[in-house]
N, C-alpha and C. Protein backbone atom coordinates (compact mmCIF):
# COMPACT_ATOMS: atom_id res chain seq x y z
N MET A 1 106.19 13.80 -121.39
CA MET A 1 106.64 13.96 -120.01
C MET A 1 105.47 13.65 -119.07
N THR A 2 105.71 12.78 -118.11
CA THR A 2 104.64 12.38 -117.21
C THR A 2 104.36 13.48 -116.19
N THR A 3 103.17 13.34 -115.59
CA THR A 3 102.78 14.32 -114.58
C THR A 3 103.74 14.30 -113.39
N GLY A 4 104.20 13.11 -113.00
CA GLY A 4 105.12 12.99 -111.86
C GLY A 4 106.42 13.72 -112.10
N ILE A 5 106.94 13.61 -113.34
CA ILE A 5 108.20 14.28 -113.66
C ILE A 5 108.02 15.79 -113.62
N ILE A 6 106.89 16.25 -114.15
CA ILE A 6 106.62 17.69 -114.16
C ILE A 6 106.54 18.23 -112.73
N ILE A 7 105.80 17.49 -111.88
CA ILE A 7 105.66 17.92 -110.48
C ILE A 7 107.01 17.93 -109.79
N GLY A 8 107.82 16.90 -110.06
CA GLY A 8 109.15 16.84 -109.45
C GLY A 8 110.02 18.00 -109.88
N ALA A 9 109.95 18.36 -111.16
CA ALA A 9 110.75 19.48 -111.66
C ALA A 9 110.31 20.79 -111.01
N VAL A 10 108.99 20.96 -110.85
CA VAL A 10 108.46 22.16 -110.22
C VAL A 10 108.93 22.26 -108.78
N VAL A 11 108.92 21.14 -108.07
CA VAL A 11 109.35 21.13 -106.67
C VAL A 11 110.81 21.54 -106.56
N VAL A 12 111.64 21.01 -107.47
CA VAL A 12 113.07 21.35 -107.44
C VAL A 12 113.27 22.84 -107.67
N VAL A 13 112.54 23.40 -108.65
CA VAL A 13 112.66 24.84 -108.93
C VAL A 13 112.24 25.66 -107.73
N VAL A 14 111.14 25.25 -107.08
CA VAL A 14 110.66 25.98 -105.91
C VAL A 14 111.67 25.92 -104.78
N LEU A 15 112.27 24.75 -104.56
CA LEU A 15 113.25 24.61 -103.49
C LEU A 15 114.48 25.47 -103.75
N ILE A 16 114.91 25.52 -104.99
CA ILE A 16 116.06 26.35 -105.35
C ILE A 16 115.75 27.82 -105.09
N ALA A 17 114.54 28.23 -105.48
CA ALA A 17 114.14 29.61 -105.28
C ALA A 17 114.07 29.96 -103.80
N LEU A 18 113.52 29.05 -102.98
CA LEU A 18 113.45 29.29 -101.55
C LEU A 18 114.83 29.38 -100.93
N ALA A 19 115.74 28.52 -101.37
CA ALA A 19 117.11 28.56 -100.86
C ALA A 19 117.76 29.89 -101.19
N ALA A 20 117.51 30.39 -102.39
CA ALA A 20 118.09 31.68 -102.79
C ALA A 20 117.55 32.81 -101.94
N VAL A 21 116.23 32.76 -101.63
CA VAL A 21 115.62 33.80 -100.81
C VAL A 21 116.21 33.78 -99.41
N VAL A 22 116.35 32.59 -98.83
CA VAL A 22 116.90 32.47 -97.48
C VAL A 22 118.32 32.99 -97.44
N THR A 23 119.10 32.61 -98.45
CA THR A 23 120.49 33.07 -98.51
C THR A 23 120.56 34.58 -98.61
N THR A 24 119.68 35.15 -99.43
CA THR A 24 119.67 36.60 -99.61
C THR A 24 119.33 37.30 -98.31
N ARG A 25 118.29 36.81 -97.61
CA ARG A 25 117.87 37.46 -96.37
C ARG A 25 118.92 37.36 -95.30
N ARG A 26 119.65 36.27 -95.28
CA ARG A 26 120.67 36.10 -94.26
C ARG A 26 121.98 36.77 -94.65
N GLY A 27 122.07 37.24 -95.88
CA GLY A 27 123.30 37.88 -96.30
C GLY A 27 124.42 36.89 -96.53
N GLY A 28 124.08 35.63 -96.84
CA GLY A 28 125.09 34.60 -96.90
C GLY A 28 125.79 34.45 -98.22
N GLY A 29 125.34 35.11 -99.29
CA GLY A 29 126.00 34.98 -100.57
C GLY A 29 127.36 35.65 -100.56
N THR A 30 128.28 35.10 -101.37
CA THR A 30 129.63 35.65 -101.42
C THR A 30 129.61 37.14 -101.74
N GLY A 31 128.87 37.50 -102.80
CA GLY A 31 128.83 38.90 -103.19
C GLY A 31 128.23 39.78 -102.12
N GLN A 32 127.20 39.30 -101.46
CA GLN A 32 126.54 40.11 -100.43
C GLN A 32 127.42 40.27 -99.20
N LEU A 33 128.09 39.20 -98.82
CA LEU A 33 129.00 39.31 -97.69
C LEU A 33 130.15 40.26 -98.01
N ARG A 34 130.65 40.17 -99.23
CA ARG A 34 131.74 41.05 -99.63
C ARG A 34 131.30 42.52 -99.60
N ARG A 35 130.08 42.77 -100.10
CA ARG A 35 129.58 44.14 -100.11
C ARG A 35 129.29 44.63 -98.70
N ARG A 36 128.75 43.75 -97.88
CA ARG A 36 128.38 44.18 -96.53
C ARG A 36 129.61 44.49 -95.69
N PHE A 37 130.61 43.63 -95.75
CA PHE A 37 131.76 43.77 -94.86
C PHE A 37 132.91 44.56 -95.46
N GLY A 38 132.91 44.76 -96.76
CA GLY A 38 133.96 45.56 -97.37
C GLY A 38 135.35 45.02 -97.06
N PRO A 39 136.26 45.87 -96.58
CA PRO A 39 137.63 45.42 -96.29
C PRO A 39 137.70 44.34 -95.21
N GLU A 40 136.69 44.29 -94.36
CA GLU A 40 136.67 43.25 -93.32
C GLU A 40 136.51 41.87 -93.94
N TYR A 41 135.84 41.80 -95.09
CA TYR A 41 135.69 40.51 -95.79
C TYR A 41 137.07 39.99 -96.20
N GLU A 42 137.85 40.84 -96.86
CA GLU A 42 139.18 40.42 -97.31
C GLU A 42 140.08 40.07 -96.13
N ARG A 43 139.97 40.83 -95.07
CA ARG A 43 140.80 40.55 -93.89
C ARG A 43 140.45 39.19 -93.30
N THR A 44 139.17 38.87 -93.25
CA THR A 44 138.74 37.59 -92.67
C THR A 44 139.18 36.43 -93.55
N VAL A 45 139.06 36.58 -94.85
CA VAL A 45 139.51 35.53 -95.77
C VAL A 45 141.02 35.31 -95.61
N ALA A 46 141.78 36.40 -95.51
CA ALA A 46 143.23 36.29 -95.35
C ALA A 46 143.57 35.61 -94.02
N ARG A 47 142.82 35.93 -92.97
CA ARG A 47 143.08 35.32 -91.67
C ARG A 47 142.81 33.82 -91.69
N HIS A 48 141.88 33.41 -92.57
CA HIS A 48 141.61 31.98 -92.74
C HIS A 48 142.44 31.38 -93.86
N GLU A 49 143.52 32.08 -94.24
CA GLU A 49 144.48 31.61 -95.24
C GLU A 49 143.80 31.25 -96.56
N GLY A 50 142.86 32.09 -96.98
CA GLY A 50 142.20 31.91 -98.26
C GLY A 50 141.03 30.95 -98.26
N ASP A 51 140.69 30.38 -97.11
CA ASP A 51 139.56 29.46 -97.02
C ASP A 51 138.27 30.28 -96.95
N THR A 52 137.66 30.50 -98.12
CA THR A 52 136.47 31.36 -98.16
C THR A 52 135.28 30.74 -97.43
N ASP A 53 135.17 29.42 -97.44
CA ASP A 53 134.06 28.78 -96.72
C ASP A 53 134.15 29.09 -95.23
N ALA A 54 135.34 28.97 -94.67
CA ALA A 54 135.51 29.26 -93.24
C ALA A 54 135.25 30.74 -92.96
N ALA A 55 135.73 31.60 -93.85
CA ALA A 55 135.50 33.03 -93.68
C ALA A 55 134.02 33.35 -93.74
N HIS A 56 133.31 32.72 -94.69
CA HIS A 56 131.87 32.96 -94.81
C HIS A 56 131.13 32.51 -93.56
N ARG A 57 131.54 31.38 -93.00
CA ARG A 57 130.87 30.91 -91.78
C ARG A 57 131.08 31.88 -90.64
N GLU A 58 132.29 32.39 -90.53
CA GLU A 58 132.55 33.36 -89.45
C GLU A 58 131.75 34.64 -89.65
N LEU A 59 131.78 35.18 -90.86
CA LEU A 59 131.07 36.43 -91.13
C LEU A 59 129.57 36.25 -90.99
N GLN A 60 129.05 35.12 -91.48
CA GLN A 60 127.62 34.88 -91.35
C GLN A 60 127.23 34.73 -89.89
N GLY A 61 128.13 34.14 -89.09
CA GLY A 61 127.86 34.04 -87.66
C GLY A 61 127.75 35.41 -87.01
N ARG A 62 128.59 36.34 -87.46
CA ARG A 62 128.49 37.70 -86.92
C ARG A 62 127.15 38.34 -87.29
N VAL A 63 126.73 38.13 -88.54
CA VAL A 63 125.44 38.68 -88.97
C VAL A 63 124.30 38.07 -88.15
N ASP A 64 124.36 36.76 -87.94
CA ASP A 64 123.31 36.09 -87.19
C ASP A 64 123.22 36.62 -85.75
N ARG A 65 124.38 36.89 -85.15
CA ARG A 65 124.39 37.34 -83.76
C ARG A 65 124.05 38.83 -83.61
N HIS A 66 124.49 39.63 -84.57
CA HIS A 66 124.42 41.08 -84.37
C HIS A 66 123.67 41.84 -85.47
N GLY A 67 123.20 41.13 -86.49
CA GLY A 67 122.53 41.83 -87.58
C GLY A 67 121.27 42.56 -87.17
N GLY A 68 120.60 42.08 -86.14
CA GLY A 68 119.37 42.73 -85.69
C GLY A 68 119.57 43.82 -84.67
N LEU A 69 120.82 44.15 -84.39
CA LEU A 69 121.09 45.18 -83.39
C LEU A 69 120.54 46.53 -83.86
N ALA A 70 119.80 47.18 -83.00
CA ALA A 70 119.26 48.51 -83.30
C ALA A 70 119.97 49.53 -82.43
N PRO A 71 120.40 50.64 -83.01
CA PRO A 71 121.18 51.60 -82.23
C PRO A 71 120.34 52.33 -81.20
N GLU A 72 120.94 52.56 -80.05
CA GLU A 72 120.30 53.39 -79.04
C GLU A 72 120.58 54.85 -79.39
N PRO A 73 119.57 55.70 -79.35
CA PRO A 73 119.80 57.11 -79.71
C PRO A 73 120.59 57.83 -78.63
N LEU A 74 121.36 58.82 -79.06
CA LEU A 74 122.06 59.69 -78.13
C LEU A 74 121.29 61.01 -78.01
N SER A 75 121.13 61.49 -76.81
CA SER A 75 120.50 62.79 -76.64
C SER A 75 121.46 63.88 -77.12
N ALA A 76 120.92 65.05 -77.37
CA ALA A 76 121.76 66.17 -77.79
C ALA A 76 122.80 66.49 -76.72
N ARG A 77 122.40 66.36 -75.46
CA ARG A 77 123.34 66.64 -74.37
C ARG A 77 124.49 65.66 -74.37
N ARG A 78 124.18 64.37 -74.51
CA ARG A 78 125.23 63.36 -74.50
C ARG A 78 126.13 63.49 -75.73
N THR A 79 125.55 63.84 -76.85
CA THR A 79 126.35 64.03 -78.06
C THR A 79 127.37 65.14 -77.85
N GLU A 80 126.93 66.25 -77.28
CA GLU A 80 127.84 67.37 -77.05
C GLU A 80 128.89 67.01 -75.99
N GLU A 81 128.51 66.21 -75.01
CA GLU A 81 129.48 65.78 -74.00
C GLU A 81 130.58 64.95 -74.64
N TYR A 82 130.20 64.03 -75.53
CA TYR A 82 131.20 63.21 -76.21
C TYR A 82 132.10 64.07 -77.10
N ARG A 83 131.51 65.02 -77.80
CA ARG A 83 132.32 65.90 -78.64
C ARG A 83 133.32 66.70 -77.80
N ALA A 84 132.86 67.17 -76.63
CA ALA A 84 133.75 67.94 -75.76
C ALA A 84 134.89 67.07 -75.24
N ARG A 85 134.59 65.82 -74.91
CA ARG A 85 135.63 64.91 -74.42
C ARG A 85 136.66 64.63 -75.50
N TRP A 86 136.17 64.43 -76.73
CA TRP A 86 137.13 64.17 -77.82
C TRP A 86 137.98 65.42 -78.06
N ALA A 87 137.37 66.58 -78.03
CA ALA A 87 138.13 67.82 -78.24
C ALA A 87 139.20 67.98 -77.16
N ALA A 88 138.85 67.61 -75.93
CA ALA A 88 139.81 67.73 -74.83
C ALA A 88 140.98 66.77 -75.01
N LEU A 89 140.72 65.55 -75.41
CA LEU A 89 141.81 64.60 -75.54
C LEU A 89 142.71 64.95 -76.72
N GLN A 90 142.16 65.51 -77.78
CA GLN A 90 143.01 65.89 -78.89
C GLN A 90 143.88 67.09 -78.52
N GLU A 91 143.41 67.94 -77.60
CA GLU A 91 144.24 69.03 -77.10
C GLU A 91 145.41 68.46 -76.29
N ARG A 92 145.16 67.40 -75.53
CA ARG A 92 146.21 66.79 -74.72
C ARG A 92 147.22 66.03 -75.58
N PHE A 93 146.86 65.75 -76.80
CA PHE A 93 147.75 64.97 -77.66
C PHE A 93 149.12 65.63 -77.80
N VAL A 94 149.15 66.95 -77.89
CA VAL A 94 150.41 67.66 -78.12
C VAL A 94 151.43 67.33 -77.02
N ASP A 95 150.99 67.32 -75.78
CA ASP A 95 151.90 67.07 -74.66
C ASP A 95 151.97 65.60 -74.27
N SER A 96 150.93 64.85 -74.55
CA SER A 96 150.89 63.45 -74.12
C SER A 96 150.19 62.59 -75.16
N PRO A 97 150.85 62.28 -76.27
CA PRO A 97 150.19 61.53 -77.35
C PRO A 97 149.67 60.16 -76.91
N ALA A 98 150.49 59.41 -76.17
CA ALA A 98 150.08 58.07 -75.77
C ALA A 98 148.85 58.12 -74.86
N GLN A 99 148.83 59.06 -73.93
CA GLN A 99 147.68 59.19 -73.05
C GLN A 99 146.43 59.55 -73.84
N ALA A 100 146.57 60.47 -74.80
CA ALA A 100 145.42 60.86 -75.61
C ALA A 100 144.87 59.69 -76.40
N VAL A 101 145.75 58.84 -76.92
CA VAL A 101 145.32 57.68 -77.68
C VAL A 101 144.60 56.69 -76.77
N ARG A 102 145.13 56.48 -75.57
CA ARG A 102 144.45 55.59 -74.63
C ARG A 102 143.06 56.12 -74.28
N GLU A 103 142.98 57.43 -74.04
CA GLU A 103 141.68 58.02 -73.71
C GLU A 103 140.71 57.89 -74.89
N ALA A 104 141.21 58.06 -76.10
CA ALA A 104 140.35 57.94 -77.28
C ALA A 104 139.81 56.52 -77.41
N SER A 105 140.66 55.53 -77.14
CA SER A 105 140.22 54.14 -77.21
C SER A 105 139.12 53.87 -76.18
N GLY A 106 139.33 54.34 -74.96
CA GLY A 106 138.31 54.15 -73.93
C GLY A 106 137.03 54.89 -74.25
N LEU A 107 137.16 56.09 -74.80
CA LEU A 107 135.97 56.87 -75.14
C LEU A 107 135.15 56.18 -76.22
N LEU A 108 135.82 55.63 -77.21
CA LEU A 108 135.09 54.91 -78.26
C LEU A 108 134.43 53.65 -77.72
N ASP A 109 135.09 52.96 -76.81
CA ASP A 109 134.47 51.79 -76.17
C ASP A 109 133.16 52.18 -75.50
N ARG A 110 133.20 53.26 -74.72
CA ARG A 110 132.00 53.70 -74.00
C ARG A 110 130.91 54.19 -74.95
N LEU A 111 131.31 54.93 -75.97
CA LEU A 111 130.34 55.44 -76.93
C LEU A 111 129.65 54.31 -77.67
N ALA A 112 130.43 53.33 -78.13
CA ALA A 112 129.84 52.19 -78.85
C ALA A 112 128.85 51.46 -77.95
N HIS A 113 129.22 51.26 -76.68
CA HIS A 113 128.33 50.56 -75.76
C HIS A 113 127.06 51.37 -75.51
N GLU A 114 127.20 52.68 -75.38
CA GLU A 114 126.02 53.52 -75.17
C GLU A 114 125.10 53.50 -76.39
N ARG A 115 125.66 53.32 -77.57
CA ARG A 115 124.84 53.23 -78.77
C ARG A 115 124.18 51.86 -78.94
N GLY A 116 124.49 50.92 -78.06
CA GLY A 116 123.83 49.63 -78.09
C GLY A 116 124.70 48.46 -78.48
N PHE A 117 125.98 48.70 -78.76
CA PHE A 117 126.90 47.61 -79.08
C PHE A 117 127.35 46.93 -77.79
N PRO A 118 127.77 45.67 -77.88
CA PRO A 118 128.24 44.98 -76.66
C PRO A 118 129.43 45.70 -76.04
N GLU A 119 129.65 45.44 -74.75
CA GLU A 119 130.81 46.00 -74.07
C GLU A 119 132.08 45.41 -74.65
N HIS A 120 133.14 46.20 -74.59
CA HIS A 120 134.44 45.73 -75.09
C HIS A 120 134.88 44.46 -74.37
N THR A 121 134.62 44.40 -73.07
CA THR A 121 135.07 43.25 -72.28
C THR A 121 134.36 41.96 -72.66
N SER A 122 133.23 42.06 -73.37
CA SER A 122 132.50 40.85 -73.74
C SER A 122 133.16 40.12 -74.90
N GLY A 123 134.06 40.79 -75.61
CA GLY A 123 134.69 40.18 -76.76
C GLY A 123 133.85 40.22 -78.02
N GLU A 124 132.64 40.76 -77.93
CA GLU A 124 131.74 40.79 -79.08
C GLU A 124 131.62 42.17 -79.71
N GLN A 125 132.22 43.18 -79.09
CA GLN A 125 132.05 44.53 -79.61
C GLN A 125 132.61 44.68 -81.02
N ILE A 126 133.82 44.16 -81.25
CA ILE A 126 134.44 44.26 -82.56
C ILE A 126 133.59 43.53 -83.61
N ASP A 127 133.08 42.34 -83.28
CA ASP A 127 132.26 41.60 -84.23
C ASP A 127 130.98 42.37 -84.57
N ALA A 128 130.37 42.96 -83.56
CA ALA A 128 129.14 43.72 -83.80
C ALA A 128 129.43 44.96 -84.65
N LEU A 129 130.52 45.64 -84.36
CA LEU A 129 130.89 46.81 -85.16
C LEU A 129 131.21 46.42 -86.60
N SER A 130 131.76 45.23 -86.78
CA SER A 130 132.10 44.79 -88.13
C SER A 130 130.85 44.60 -88.99
N VAL A 131 129.73 44.29 -88.35
CA VAL A 131 128.47 44.11 -89.09
C VAL A 131 127.88 45.46 -89.48
N HIS A 132 127.99 46.45 -88.59
CA HIS A 132 127.32 47.73 -88.81
C HIS A 132 128.25 48.88 -89.18
N ARG A 133 129.53 48.76 -88.84
CA ARG A 133 130.49 49.83 -89.14
C ARG A 133 131.79 49.25 -89.71
N PRO A 134 131.72 48.41 -90.72
CA PRO A 134 132.92 47.72 -91.20
C PRO A 134 133.97 48.64 -91.81
N ARG A 135 133.56 49.78 -92.35
CA ARG A 135 134.51 50.66 -93.04
C ARG A 135 135.52 51.27 -92.09
N HIS A 136 135.16 51.40 -90.83
CA HIS A 136 136.05 52.07 -89.88
C HIS A 136 136.68 51.09 -88.89
N LEU A 137 136.45 49.81 -89.08
CA LEU A 137 136.84 48.85 -88.05
C LEU A 137 138.35 48.71 -87.92
N GLN A 138 139.07 48.69 -89.03
CA GLN A 138 140.52 48.51 -88.93
C GLN A 138 141.18 49.68 -88.23
N ALA A 139 140.67 50.89 -88.48
CA ALA A 139 141.21 52.06 -87.78
C ALA A 139 140.98 51.94 -86.27
N TYR A 140 139.86 51.35 -85.89
CA TYR A 140 139.56 51.15 -84.47
C TYR A 140 140.51 50.11 -83.88
N ARG A 141 140.75 49.04 -84.61
CA ARG A 141 141.71 48.03 -84.15
C ARG A 141 143.10 48.66 -83.98
N ASP A 142 143.49 49.47 -84.95
CA ASP A 142 144.80 50.11 -84.88
C ASP A 142 144.91 51.01 -83.65
N LEU A 143 143.85 51.75 -83.37
CA LEU A 143 143.86 52.63 -82.20
C LEU A 143 143.98 51.81 -80.92
N ARG A 144 143.23 50.73 -80.83
CA ARG A 144 143.31 49.89 -79.63
C ARG A 144 144.71 49.31 -79.46
N GLY A 145 145.28 48.86 -80.58
CA GLY A 145 146.63 48.30 -80.50
C GLY A 145 147.63 49.33 -80.02
N ALA A 146 147.52 50.55 -80.53
CA ALA A 146 148.42 51.62 -80.09
C ALA A 146 148.19 51.96 -78.63
N ALA A 147 146.94 51.97 -78.20
CA ALA A 147 146.62 52.30 -76.82
C ALA A 147 147.18 51.26 -75.85
N GLU A 148 147.20 50.02 -76.27
CA GLU A 148 147.65 48.95 -75.39
C GLU A 148 149.17 48.83 -75.35
N SER A 149 149.85 49.31 -76.39
CA SER A 149 151.29 49.07 -76.48
C SER A 149 152.14 50.29 -76.18
N ARG A 150 151.54 51.50 -76.21
CA ARG A 150 152.34 52.71 -76.06
C ARG A 150 152.20 53.31 -74.67
N LYS A 151 153.31 53.84 -74.17
CA LYS A 151 153.32 54.56 -72.91
C LYS A 151 154.02 55.90 -73.12
N ASP A 152 153.66 56.86 -72.29
CA ASP A 152 154.33 58.16 -72.38
C ASP A 152 155.78 58.03 -71.94
N GLY A 153 156.59 58.94 -72.43
CA GLY A 153 158.01 58.92 -72.11
C GLY A 153 158.80 59.31 -73.34
N ASP A 154 159.98 58.76 -73.49
CA ASP A 154 160.78 59.08 -74.66
C ASP A 154 160.08 58.60 -75.91
N ARG A 155 160.09 59.44 -76.93
CA ARG A 155 159.45 59.06 -78.17
C ARG A 155 160.12 59.80 -79.32
N THR A 156 160.02 59.27 -80.49
CA THR A 156 160.57 59.90 -81.68
C THR A 156 159.44 60.57 -82.45
N THR A 157 159.83 61.38 -83.42
CA THR A 157 158.82 61.99 -84.27
C THR A 157 158.01 60.93 -84.99
N ALA A 158 158.67 59.85 -85.42
CA ALA A 158 157.96 58.76 -86.11
C ALA A 158 156.91 58.14 -85.20
N ASP A 159 157.26 57.94 -83.91
CA ASP A 159 156.30 57.38 -82.96
C ASP A 159 155.08 58.30 -82.85
N THR A 160 155.33 59.58 -82.71
CA THR A 160 154.23 60.52 -82.55
C THR A 160 153.39 60.62 -83.81
N GLU A 161 154.03 60.56 -84.97
CA GLU A 161 153.29 60.56 -86.23
C GLU A 161 152.38 59.35 -86.33
N GLU A 162 152.88 58.20 -85.87
CA GLU A 162 152.06 56.98 -85.92
C GLU A 162 150.85 57.12 -85.01
N LEU A 163 151.05 57.63 -83.81
CA LEU A 163 149.92 57.81 -82.89
C LEU A 163 148.93 58.83 -83.45
N ARG A 164 149.45 59.86 -84.06
CA ARG A 164 148.58 60.87 -84.67
C ARG A 164 147.72 60.22 -85.76
N ALA A 165 148.34 59.37 -86.59
CA ALA A 165 147.60 58.69 -87.65
C ALA A 165 146.52 57.78 -87.07
N ARG A 166 146.83 57.12 -85.96
CA ARG A 166 145.84 56.25 -85.32
C ARG A 166 144.65 57.07 -84.83
N LEU A 167 144.94 58.21 -84.22
CA LEU A 167 143.87 59.05 -83.68
C LEU A 167 143.01 59.62 -84.81
N LEU A 168 143.66 60.07 -85.86
CA LEU A 168 142.92 60.61 -87.00
C LEU A 168 142.05 59.55 -87.65
N GLY A 169 142.59 58.33 -87.79
CA GLY A 169 141.81 57.26 -88.40
C GLY A 169 140.59 56.89 -87.59
N ALA A 170 140.74 56.85 -86.26
CA ALA A 170 139.63 56.47 -85.39
C ALA A 170 138.56 57.55 -85.31
N ARG A 171 138.91 58.77 -85.67
CA ARG A 171 137.92 59.86 -85.60
C ARG A 171 136.74 59.58 -86.52
N ALA A 172 136.98 58.89 -87.64
CA ALA A 172 135.88 58.58 -88.56
C ALA A 172 134.83 57.71 -87.88
N LEU A 173 135.27 56.75 -87.06
CA LEU A 173 134.31 55.93 -86.32
C LEU A 173 133.59 56.76 -85.28
N PHE A 174 134.30 57.62 -84.58
CA PHE A 174 133.68 58.51 -83.61
C PHE A 174 132.58 59.34 -84.26
N ASP A 175 132.90 59.97 -85.40
CA ASP A 175 131.90 60.78 -86.10
C ASP A 175 130.69 59.95 -86.49
N ASP A 176 130.96 58.72 -86.94
CA ASP A 176 129.87 57.85 -87.39
C ASP A 176 128.97 57.45 -86.22
N LEU A 177 129.57 57.18 -85.08
CA LEU A 177 128.78 56.72 -83.93
C LEU A 177 127.95 57.82 -83.30
N ILE A 178 128.37 59.06 -83.40
CA ILE A 178 127.56 60.12 -82.82
C ILE A 178 126.60 60.73 -83.83
N ALA A 179 126.70 60.31 -85.09
CA ALA A 179 125.81 60.85 -86.11
C ALA A 179 124.43 60.19 -86.02
N VAL A 180 123.41 60.90 -86.43
CA VAL A 180 122.07 60.35 -86.54
C VAL A 180 121.97 59.67 -87.89
N ASP A 181 121.65 58.39 -87.89
CA ASP A 181 121.59 57.67 -89.15
C ASP A 181 120.47 56.65 -89.13
N LYS A 182 120.41 55.85 -90.17
CA LYS A 182 119.35 54.86 -90.32
C LYS A 182 119.94 53.47 -90.24
N GLU A 183 120.22 53.01 -89.04
CA GLU A 183 120.74 51.66 -88.87
C GLU A 183 119.58 50.67 -88.93
N PRO A 184 119.82 49.36 -89.09
CA PRO A 184 121.13 48.82 -89.37
C PRO A 184 121.54 49.03 -90.82
N ARG A 185 122.83 49.14 -91.07
CA ARG A 185 123.34 49.28 -92.42
C ARG A 185 123.62 47.91 -92.98
N THR A 186 123.15 47.67 -94.19
CA THR A 186 123.28 46.32 -94.73
C THR A 186 124.00 46.25 -96.05
N THR A 187 124.25 47.39 -96.69
CA THR A 187 124.91 47.36 -97.98
C THR A 187 125.99 48.40 -98.03
N SER A 188 126.90 48.22 -98.99
CA SER A 188 127.98 49.18 -99.13
C SER A 188 127.45 50.54 -99.53
N ARG A 189 126.33 50.60 -100.27
CA ARG A 189 125.76 51.87 -100.66
C ARG A 189 125.35 52.66 -99.43
N GLU A 190 124.71 51.97 -98.46
CA GLU A 190 124.29 52.64 -97.25
C GLU A 190 125.49 53.09 -96.44
N ASP A 191 126.54 52.21 -96.39
CA ASP A 191 127.74 52.60 -95.68
C ASP A 191 128.37 53.82 -96.32
N GLY A 192 128.39 53.85 -97.63
CA GLY A 192 128.96 54.99 -98.32
C GLY A 192 128.20 56.25 -98.04
N ALA A 193 126.85 56.13 -97.94
CA ALA A 193 126.04 57.31 -97.65
C ALA A 193 126.37 57.85 -96.28
N GLY A 194 126.58 56.92 -95.31
CA GLY A 194 126.92 57.37 -93.97
C GLY A 194 128.25 58.09 -93.95
N ASP A 195 129.24 57.57 -94.71
CA ASP A 195 130.54 58.21 -94.74
C ASP A 195 130.45 59.59 -95.36
N ALA A 196 129.61 59.71 -96.39
CA ALA A 196 129.46 61.00 -97.03
C ALA A 196 128.83 62.00 -96.08
N ASP A 197 127.86 61.53 -95.29
CA ASP A 197 127.22 62.43 -94.33
C ASP A 197 128.24 62.93 -93.32
N SER A 198 129.11 62.02 -92.87
CA SER A 198 130.12 62.43 -91.91
C SER A 198 131.05 63.44 -92.53
N GLY A 199 131.38 63.21 -93.81
CA GLY A 199 132.29 64.12 -94.47
C GLY A 199 131.69 65.50 -94.65
N ARG A 200 130.36 65.59 -94.80
CA ARG A 200 129.73 66.89 -95.00
C ARG A 200 129.66 67.69 -93.71
N ASN A 201 129.77 67.00 -92.59
CA ASN A 201 129.65 67.70 -91.31
C ASN A 201 131.02 68.26 -90.93
N GLY A 202 131.31 69.43 -91.43
CA GLY A 202 132.64 69.98 -91.25
C GLY A 202 133.00 70.27 -89.81
N SER A 203 132.00 70.48 -88.96
CA SER A 203 132.30 70.81 -87.57
C SER A 203 132.94 69.67 -86.83
N HIS A 204 132.87 68.46 -87.40
CA HIS A 204 133.45 67.30 -86.71
C HIS A 204 134.88 67.05 -87.13
N ARG A 205 135.37 67.72 -88.15
CA ARG A 205 136.72 67.47 -88.63
C ARG A 205 137.71 68.28 -87.81
N PHE A 206 138.93 67.78 -87.70
CA PHE A 206 139.91 68.52 -86.96
C PHE A 206 141.29 68.23 -87.51
N HIS A 207 142.23 69.08 -87.18
CA HIS A 207 143.63 68.88 -87.54
C HIS A 207 144.44 69.06 -86.26
N LEU A 208 145.25 68.07 -85.93
CA LEU A 208 146.05 68.18 -84.74
C LEU A 208 147.18 69.16 -84.99
N PRO A 209 147.54 69.95 -83.99
CA PRO A 209 148.63 70.91 -84.16
C PRO A 209 149.94 70.22 -84.47
N SER A 210 150.84 70.94 -85.08
CA SER A 210 152.18 70.40 -85.31
C SER A 210 152.94 70.42 -83.99
N TRP A 211 154.03 69.67 -83.93
CA TRP A 211 154.79 69.61 -82.69
C TRP A 211 156.25 69.42 -83.03
N SER A 212 157.07 69.62 -82.05
CA SER A 212 158.50 69.35 -82.22
C SER A 212 158.83 68.06 -81.52
N ASN A 213 159.93 67.43 -81.91
CA ASN A 213 160.36 66.19 -81.27
C ASN A 213 160.81 66.49 -79.84
N ARG A 214 160.18 65.80 -78.90
CA ARG A 214 160.49 66.09 -77.49
C ARG A 214 161.42 65.04 -76.93
């Protein structure tokens, strides 16, 4: 084997290794994107009708834009204020479920922005949350959808149960956003640790009262 061939082979190996390192750091590998985004990965692939390349480009774009986002800390006073507001809206749920859901959606928008995520009106808040809080993102989408489509007035027990489920699902994101953690989160293990921490904090859990069909 000539010296030129040996040098060429070494260069190829080095280039492959460098490409792997770059891909790893950017989170661009299929496995890493799947682990990072969790259910959001499958949702994005489905939205692109199974085109994984297109889904990867979209998800990698989110990482490139928002992966370096560092959370703004909440003071103890602000944390308690947010908890009090959530407690108040869940009390109102019994008499006005749709209003409580709308208030919860707005409260989460403000809380996310105060923690350093883009404003909801920018169109980037959901993408940024998908990078750092993917486990709770669908519940947040569901809450927003319910807030935008429901109005107070005549309602069935099924309607109220649905709104209750939306509010309960979004509470996990609320707990996560007011918790002290080590962002940014980059792996499913870290996301799981955050969820476990939220679960251990019993003071943040709640059960909405039962109601009769009005």
